[in-house]
């Protein structure tokens, strides 16, 4: 990316009053002290943990297999 484009981006960041946008940029740049994990519900955290455990135990299915099954099910409907 050229320096001119980078400069325009920095200028927009400096002049914006949009706090939500600034928080997103901060997060994208890895400057956020906020951890998204803390905002997840307990049930979502448990589901993620369960999935990680299943994966570490080899209880997975290839993406292509899942997609083929899903397409077949949707085409029947």
N, C-alpha and C. Protein backbone atom coordinates (compact mmCIF):
# COMPACT_ATOMS: atom_id res chain seq x y z
N UNK A 1 0.86 -1.17 0.00
CA UNK A 1 0.00 0.00 0.00
C UNK A 1 0.90 1.23 0.00
N UNK A 2 0.53 2.20 -0.80
CA UNK A 2 1.38 3.38 -0.92
C UNK A 2 1.22 4.32 0.28
N UNK A 3 2.21 5.17 0.49
CA UNK A 3 2.26 6.08 1.63
C UNK A 3 1.10 7.08 1.61
N UNK A 4 0.67 7.49 0.43
CA UNK A 4 -0.43 8.45 0.32
C UNK A 4 -1.72 7.88 0.90
N UNK A 5 -2.00 6.63 0.57
CA UNK A 5 -3.20 5.98 1.09
C UNK A 5 -3.11 5.82 2.59
N UNK A 6 -1.94 5.43 3.08
CA UNK A 6 -1.75 5.29 4.53
C UNK A 6 -1.96 6.63 5.23
N UNK A 7 -1.45 7.69 4.65
CA UNK A 7 -1.60 9.01 5.24
C UNK A 7 -3.08 9.40 5.31
N UNK A 8 -3.83 9.12 4.23
CA UNK A 8 -5.26 9.42 4.22
C UNK A 8 -5.99 8.64 5.31
N UNK A 9 -5.58 7.40 5.52
CA UNK A 9 -6.20 6.58 6.56
C UNK A 9 -5.93 7.17 7.94
N UNK A 10 -4.69 7.56 8.18
CA UNK A 10 -4.32 8.15 9.46
C UNK A 10 -5.09 9.45 9.67
N UNK A 11 -5.21 10.24 8.63
CA UNK A 11 -5.94 11.51 8.71
C UNK A 11 -7.41 11.27 9.09
N UNK A 12 -8.03 10.26 8.47
CA UNK A 12 -9.43 9.94 8.80
C UNK A 12 -9.55 9.50 10.26
N UNK A 13 -8.60 8.70 10.72
CA UNK A 13 -8.62 8.24 12.10
C UNK A 13 -8.50 9.41 13.06
N UNK A 14 -7.61 10.31 12.76
CA UNK A 14 -7.38 11.47 13.64
C UNK A 14 -8.59 12.39 13.69
N UNK A 15 -9.28 12.54 12.58
CA UNK A 15 -10.38 13.51 12.53
C UNK A 15 -11.75 12.93 12.87
N UNK A 16 -11.87 11.62 12.97
CA UNK A 16 -13.18 11.04 13.23
C UNK A 16 -13.63 11.24 14.68
N UNK A 17 -14.91 11.35 14.83
CA UNK A 17 -15.52 11.43 16.17
C UNK A 17 -16.26 10.14 16.49
N UNK A 18 -16.19 9.18 15.60
CA UNK A 18 -16.92 7.91 15.73
C UNK A 18 -16.15 6.96 16.65
N UNK A 19 -16.56 6.91 17.92
CA UNK A 19 -15.87 6.07 18.90
C UNK A 19 -15.94 4.59 18.56
N UNK A 20 -17.05 4.15 18.00
CA UNK A 20 -17.18 2.74 17.64
C UNK A 20 -16.16 2.37 16.56
N UNK A 21 -16.00 3.25 15.58
CA UNK A 21 -15.02 3.02 14.52
C UNK A 21 -13.62 2.98 15.10
N UNK A 22 -13.32 3.90 15.99
CA UNK A 22 -11.99 3.94 16.60
C UNK A 22 -11.72 2.68 17.43
N UNK A 23 -12.73 2.18 18.11
CA UNK A 23 -12.57 0.94 18.87
C UNK A 23 -12.29 -0.24 17.94
N UNK A 24 -12.96 -0.26 16.79
CA UNK A 24 -12.73 -1.33 15.81
C UNK A 24 -11.31 -1.27 15.27
N UNK A 25 -10.86 -0.07 14.92
CA UNK A 25 -9.49 0.10 14.42
C UNK A 25 -8.49 -0.34 15.49
N UNK A 26 -8.75 0.08 16.70
CA UNK A 26 -7.88 -0.28 17.83
C UNK A 26 -7.80 -1.80 17.97
N UNK A 27 -8.93 -2.45 17.86
CA UNK A 27 -8.97 -3.90 17.97
C UNK A 27 -8.23 -4.56 16.80
N UNK A 28 -8.48 -4.08 15.58
CA UNK A 28 -7.81 -4.64 14.40
C UNK A 28 -6.30 -4.51 14.48
N UNK A 29 -5.83 -3.44 15.10
CA UNK A 29 -4.39 -3.22 15.21
C UNK A 29 -3.78 -3.93 16.41
N UNK A 30 -4.61 -4.63 17.16
CA UNK A 30 -4.11 -5.36 18.31
C UNK A 30 -3.77 -4.47 19.50
N UNK A 31 -4.40 -3.31 19.56
CA UNK A 31 -4.12 -2.37 20.63
C UNK A 31 -5.18 -2.39 21.73
N UNK A 32 -6.18 -3.21 21.54
CA UNK A 32 -7.29 -3.25 22.48
C UNK A 32 -6.91 -4.03 23.72
N UNK A 33 -7.27 -3.49 24.86
CA UNK A 33 -7.04 -4.19 26.12
C UNK A 33 -8.23 -5.08 26.43
N UNK A 34 -9.23 -5.00 25.60
CA UNK A 34 -10.48 -5.73 25.77
C UNK A 34 -10.36 -7.11 25.16
N UNK A 35 -10.82 -8.12 25.87
CA UNK A 35 -10.80 -9.48 25.37
C UNK A 35 -12.23 -9.91 25.07
N UNK A 36 -12.51 -10.25 23.82
CA UNK A 36 -13.88 -10.61 23.42
C UNK A 36 -14.41 -11.78 24.23
N UNK A 37 -13.53 -12.65 24.72
CA UNK A 37 -13.95 -13.83 25.48
C UNK A 37 -14.78 -13.43 26.68
N UNK A 38 -14.42 -12.32 27.30
CA UNK A 38 -15.13 -11.85 28.49
C UNK A 38 -16.58 -11.47 28.20
N UNK A 39 -16.89 -11.18 26.96
CA UNK A 39 -18.24 -10.76 26.59
C UNK A 39 -19.14 -11.91 26.16
N UNK A 40 -18.56 -13.09 25.99
CA UNK A 40 -19.35 -14.24 25.56
C UNK A 40 -20.15 -14.79 26.74
N UNK A 41 -21.31 -15.34 26.41
CA UNK A 41 -22.14 -15.95 27.46
C UNK A 41 -21.47 -17.25 27.93
N UNK A 42 -21.85 -17.68 29.11
CA UNK A 42 -21.29 -18.92 29.65
C UNK A 42 -21.61 -20.11 28.76
N UNK A 43 -22.81 -20.13 28.17
CA UNK A 43 -23.17 -21.26 27.30
C UNK A 43 -22.33 -21.25 26.02
N UNK A 44 -22.02 -20.08 25.49
CA UNK A 44 -21.18 -19.99 24.30
C UNK A 44 -19.76 -20.44 24.62
N UNK A 45 -19.25 -20.00 25.77
CA UNK A 45 -17.91 -20.43 26.19
C UNK A 45 -17.86 -21.95 26.35
N UNK A 46 -18.89 -22.52 26.96
CA UNK A 46 -18.93 -23.97 27.17
C UNK A 46 -18.98 -24.70 25.84
N UNK A 47 -19.73 -24.17 24.88
CA UNK A 47 -19.84 -24.78 23.56
C UNK A 47 -18.49 -24.76 22.84
N UNK A 48 -17.79 -23.65 22.94
CA UNK A 48 -16.47 -23.54 22.33
C UNK A 48 -15.50 -24.53 22.97
N UNK A 49 -15.52 -24.60 24.29
CA UNK A 49 -14.64 -25.53 25.00
C UNK A 49 -14.93 -26.97 24.59
N UNK A 50 -16.22 -27.30 24.48
CA UNK A 50 -16.63 -28.64 24.08
C UNK A 50 -16.10 -28.95 22.67
N UNK A 51 -16.21 -28.00 21.78
CA UNK A 51 -15.71 -28.18 20.42
C UNK A 51 -14.20 -28.36 20.38
N UNK A 52 -13.48 -27.61 21.19
CA UNK A 52 -12.03 -27.75 21.24
C UNK A 52 -11.63 -29.12 21.77
N UNK A 53 -12.35 -29.59 22.79
CA UNK A 53 -12.08 -30.93 23.34
C UNK A 53 -12.35 -32.01 22.29
N UNK A 54 -13.47 -31.87 21.58
CA UNK A 54 -13.80 -32.85 20.54
C UNK A 54 -12.74 -32.85 19.45
N UNK A 55 -12.27 -31.69 19.09
CA UNK A 55 -11.25 -31.58 18.06
C UNK A 55 -9.94 -32.23 18.50
N UNK A 56 -9.55 -31.97 19.74
CA UNK A 56 -8.30 -32.55 20.23
C UNK A 56 -8.38 -34.08 20.34
N UNK A 57 -9.60 -34.61 20.44
CA UNK A 57 -9.80 -36.06 20.51
C UNK A 57 -10.04 -36.67 19.12
N UNK A 58 -9.91 -35.85 18.10
CA UNK A 58 -10.07 -36.34 16.74
C UNK A 58 -11.51 -36.53 16.31
N UNK A 59 -12.44 -35.98 17.05
CA UNK A 59 -13.86 -36.12 16.72
C UNK A 59 -14.29 -34.98 15.80
N UNK A 60 -13.75 -35.00 14.59
CA UNK A 60 -14.05 -33.95 13.62
C UNK A 60 -14.51 -34.56 12.32
N UNK A 61 -15.08 -33.71 11.46
CA UNK A 61 -15.49 -34.12 10.12
C UNK A 61 -14.94 -33.09 9.14
N UNK A 62 -14.52 -33.54 7.98
CA UNK A 62 -14.01 -32.60 6.98
C UNK A 62 -15.09 -31.58 6.57
N UNK A 63 -14.67 -30.38 6.33
CA UNK A 63 -15.58 -29.31 5.92
C UNK A 63 -16.38 -29.70 4.68
N UNK A 64 -15.71 -30.30 3.72
CA UNK A 64 -16.37 -30.69 2.47
C UNK A 64 -17.52 -31.65 2.74
N UNK A 65 -17.32 -32.57 3.68
CA UNK A 65 -18.36 -33.55 4.02
C UNK A 65 -19.58 -32.86 4.63
N UNK A 66 -19.33 -31.95 5.53
CA UNK A 66 -20.43 -31.22 6.18
C UNK A 66 -21.18 -30.37 5.16
N UNK A 67 -20.44 -29.70 4.28
CA UNK A 67 -21.08 -28.86 3.27
C UNK A 67 -21.91 -29.70 2.31
N UNK A 68 -21.41 -30.85 1.89
CA UNK A 68 -22.16 -31.72 0.98
C UNK A 68 -23.45 -32.20 1.65
N UNK A 69 -23.36 -32.58 2.91
CA UNK A 69 -24.54 -33.03 3.64
C UNK A 69 -25.56 -31.90 3.79
N UNK A 70 -25.07 -30.71 4.09
CA UNK A 70 -25.97 -29.56 4.26
C UNK A 70 -26.65 -29.20 2.95
N UNK A 71 -25.90 -29.18 1.86
CA UNK A 71 -26.49 -28.88 0.54
C UNK A 71 -27.55 -29.90 0.18
N UNK A 72 -27.25 -31.17 0.41
CA UNK A 72 -28.21 -32.24 0.08
C UNK A 72 -29.49 -32.06 0.88
N UNK A 73 -29.36 -31.71 2.16
CA UNK A 73 -30.52 -31.52 3.02
C UNK A 73 -31.34 -30.31 2.56
N UNK A 74 -30.66 -29.24 2.18
CA UNK A 74 -31.37 -28.02 1.75
C UNK A 74 -32.05 -28.19 0.40
N UNK A 75 -31.46 -28.99 -0.48
CA UNK A 75 -32.06 -29.21 -1.80
C UNK A 75 -33.30 -30.08 -1.73
N UNK A 76 -33.42 -30.90 -0.68
CA UNK A 76 -34.60 -31.73 -0.49
C UNK A 76 -35.80 -30.89 -0.05
N UNK A 77 -35.54 -29.78 0.64
CA UNK A 77 -36.62 -28.97 1.22
C UNK A 77 -37.43 -28.24 0.21
